[in-house]
Amino acid sequence: MRWVFLTMCAALLCGCGDRVPESKAARAAGDAPKQAVERATGGVDAALQKGADRAKDDDTK
């Protein structure tokens, strides 16, 4: 009897697992790596643009 009850509880928990709403904190924690990559990409883009501008200025001189 105990095993039947535990099996039913496990099945119910597994069935409801995908219906749990995602919290704001979990979403923010998941977005942190993405934001770090975006910041790094932005910094690289700015550095490349600055280098291109310097090269252009040196060519015109």
N, C-alpha and C. Protein backbone atom coordinates (compact mmCIF):
# COMPACT_ATOMS: atom_id res chain seq x y z
N MET A 1 0.82 -1.19 0.00
CA MET A 1 0.00 0.00 0.00
C MET A 1 0.87 1.26 0.00
N ARG A 2 1.93 1.20 0.78
CA ARG A 2 2.81 2.35 0.87
C ARG A 2 3.47 2.62 -0.49
N TRP A 3 3.87 1.57 -1.20
CA TRP A 3 4.53 1.73 -2.49
C TRP A 3 3.58 2.32 -3.53
N VAL A 4 2.32 1.95 -3.46
CA VAL A 4 1.33 2.50 -4.40
C VAL A 4 1.18 4.00 -4.16
N PHE A 5 1.11 4.37 -2.90
CA PHE A 5 0.98 5.79 -2.56
C PHE A 5 2.20 6.58 -3.01
N LEU A 6 3.40 6.06 -2.76
CA LEU A 6 4.62 6.75 -3.16
C LEU A 6 4.73 6.85 -4.68
N THR A 7 4.33 5.81 -5.38
CA THR A 7 4.35 5.83 -6.84
C THR A 7 3.38 6.86 -7.39
N MET A 8 2.21 6.95 -6.80
CA MET A 8 1.22 7.94 -7.26
C MET A 8 1.71 9.36 -6.97
N CYS A 9 2.31 9.57 -5.80
CA CYS A 9 2.84 10.90 -5.48
C CYS A 9 3.96 11.29 -6.43
N ALA A 10 4.84 10.35 -6.74
CA ALA A 10 5.93 10.63 -7.66
C ALA A 10 5.39 10.96 -9.05
N ALA A 11 4.38 10.25 -9.50
CA ALA A 11 3.79 10.51 -10.81
C ALA A 11 3.14 11.89 -10.84
N LEU A 12 2.48 12.26 -9.77
CA LEU A 12 1.85 13.59 -9.71
C LEU A 12 2.89 14.69 -9.71
N LEU A 13 3.96 14.50 -8.97
CA LEU A 13 5.01 15.52 -8.93
C LEU A 13 5.70 15.66 -10.28
N CYS A 14 5.94 14.56 -10.94
CA CYS A 14 6.57 14.61 -12.26
C CYS A 14 5.65 15.26 -13.28
N GLY A 15 4.37 15.05 -13.16
CA GLY A 15 3.41 15.62 -14.09
C GLY A 15 3.25 17.12 -13.93
N CYS A 16 3.46 17.62 -12.74
CA CYS A 16 3.29 19.05 -12.48
C CYS A 16 4.59 19.83 -12.62
N GLY A 17 5.68 19.18 -12.88
CA GLY A 17 6.98 19.84 -12.91
C GLY A 17 7.11 20.92 -13.94
N ASP A 18 6.49 20.75 -15.11
CA ASP A 18 6.64 21.75 -16.16
C ASP A 18 5.64 22.88 -16.03
N ARG A 19 4.74 22.79 -15.08
CA ARG A 19 3.72 23.83 -14.93
C ARG A 19 4.06 24.84 -13.84
N VAL A 20 5.21 24.70 -13.24
CA VAL A 20 5.62 25.62 -12.18
C VAL A 20 6.08 26.92 -12.83
N PRO A 21 5.48 28.05 -12.44
CA PRO A 21 5.88 29.32 -13.06
C PRO A 21 7.31 29.69 -12.67
N GLU A 22 8.00 30.29 -13.60
CA GLU A 22 9.39 30.70 -13.35
C GLU A 22 9.39 32.03 -12.59
N SER A 23 10.17 32.10 -11.55
CA SER A 23 10.21 33.31 -10.74
C SER A 23 11.09 34.36 -11.41
N LYS A 24 10.92 35.59 -11.00
CA LYS A 24 11.74 36.69 -11.54
C LYS A 24 13.20 36.50 -11.19
N ALA A 25 13.47 36.00 -10.00
CA ALA A 25 14.86 35.79 -9.58
C ALA A 25 15.52 34.72 -10.44
N ALA A 26 14.79 33.65 -10.75
CA ALA A 26 15.35 32.59 -11.59
C ALA A 26 15.59 33.10 -13.00
N ARG A 27 14.68 33.90 -13.50
CA ARG A 27 14.84 34.47 -14.84
C ARG A 27 16.05 35.40 -14.90
N ALA A 28 16.21 36.21 -13.85
CA ALA A 28 17.36 37.14 -13.80
C ALA A 28 18.67 36.37 -13.70
N ALA A 29 18.68 35.29 -12.94
CA ALA A 29 19.89 34.48 -12.82
C ALA A 29 20.21 33.80 -14.14
N GLY A 30 19.20 33.42 -14.89
CA GLY A 30 19.41 32.79 -16.19
C GLY A 30 19.88 33.78 -17.24
N ASP A 31 19.47 35.03 -17.09
CA ASP A 31 19.87 36.05 -18.06
C ASP A 31 21.25 36.64 -17.79
N ALA A 32 21.82 36.39 -16.63
CA ALA A 32 23.11 36.98 -16.26
C ALA A 32 24.22 36.61 -17.24
N PRO A 33 24.38 35.36 -17.63
CA PRO A 33 25.45 35.05 -18.61
C PRO A 33 25.22 35.73 -19.95
N LYS A 34 23.98 35.82 -20.35
CA LYS A 34 23.66 36.47 -21.63
C LYS A 34 24.02 37.95 -21.57
N GLN A 35 23.73 38.59 -20.45
CA GLN A 35 24.07 40.00 -20.30
C GLN A 35 25.57 40.21 -20.27
N ALA A 36 26.30 39.29 -19.65
CA ALA A 36 27.77 39.42 -19.61
C ALA A 36 28.35 39.31 -21.01
N VAL A 37 27.82 38.41 -21.81
CA VAL A 37 28.30 38.25 -23.18
C VAL A 37 27.98 39.49 -24.00
N GLU A 38 26.78 40.05 -23.81
CA GLU A 38 26.40 41.25 -24.54
C GLU A 38 27.30 42.43 -24.17
N ARG A 39 27.63 42.55 -22.87
CA ARG A 39 28.53 43.63 -22.44
C ARG A 39 29.91 43.46 -23.04
N ALA A 40 30.41 42.24 -23.05
CA ALA A 40 31.73 41.98 -23.61
C ALA A 40 31.74 42.24 -25.11
N THR A 41 30.69 41.84 -25.80
CA THR A 41 30.59 42.08 -27.23
C THR A 41 30.53 43.57 -27.52
N GLY A 42 29.79 44.29 -26.71
CA GLY A 42 29.71 45.75 -26.88
C GLY A 42 31.07 46.41 -26.68
N GLY A 43 31.83 45.94 -25.70
CA GLY A 43 33.16 46.49 -25.46
C GLY A 43 34.11 46.21 -26.60
N VAL A 44 34.04 45.01 -27.16
CA VAL A 44 34.89 44.66 -28.30
C VAL A 44 34.52 45.48 -29.51
N ASP A 45 33.23 45.65 -29.75
CA ASP A 45 32.78 46.46 -30.88
C ASP A 45 33.27 47.91 -30.76
N ALA A 46 33.19 48.45 -29.54
CA ALA A 46 33.64 49.82 -29.33
C ALA A 46 35.15 49.94 -29.55
N ALA A 47 35.90 48.94 -29.08
CA ALA A 47 37.36 48.96 -29.26
C ALA A 47 37.73 48.85 -30.74
N LEU A 48 37.03 48.00 -31.47
CA LEU A 48 37.30 47.87 -32.90
C LEU A 48 36.97 49.16 -33.64
N GLN A 49 35.89 49.80 -33.27
CA GLN A 49 35.51 51.06 -33.90
C GLN A 49 36.54 52.14 -33.60
N LYS A 50 37.00 52.18 -32.36
CA LYS A 50 38.01 53.17 -31.97
C LYS A 50 39.31 52.94 -32.74
N GLY A 51 39.70 51.68 -32.91
CA GLY A 51 40.89 51.36 -33.69
C GLY A 51 40.74 51.74 -35.15
N ALA A 52 39.55 51.51 -35.69
CA ALA A 52 39.31 51.87 -37.08
C ALA A 52 39.36 53.39 -37.25
N ASP A 53 38.82 54.11 -36.28
CA ASP A 53 38.86 55.58 -36.35
C ASP A 53 40.30 56.09 -36.28
N ARG A 54 41.10 55.48 -35.41
CA ARG A 54 42.50 55.90 -35.29
C ARG A 54 43.26 55.61 -36.59
N ALA A 55 43.00 54.46 -37.19
CA ALA A 55 43.66 54.13 -38.44
C ALA A 55 43.26 55.09 -39.55
N LYS A 56 42.00 55.48 -39.56
CA LYS A 56 41.52 56.44 -40.55
C LYS A 56 42.18 57.79 -40.37
N ASP A 57 42.31 58.21 -39.10
CA ASP A 57 42.96 59.49 -38.80
C ASP A 57 44.44 59.46 -39.21
N ASP A 58 45.12 58.33 -38.97
CA ASP A 58 46.52 58.21 -39.35
C ASP A 58 46.70 58.22 -40.86
N ASP A 59 45.75 57.65 -41.58
CA ASP A 59 45.83 57.63 -43.05
C ASP A 59 45.62 59.01 -43.65
N THR A 60 44.78 59.84 -43.01
CA THR A 60 44.51 61.16 -43.55
C THR A 60 45.64 62.14 -43.25
N LYS A 61 46.48 61.85 -42.28
CA LYS A 61 47.55 62.76 -41.89
C LYS A 61 48.68 62.70 -42.84
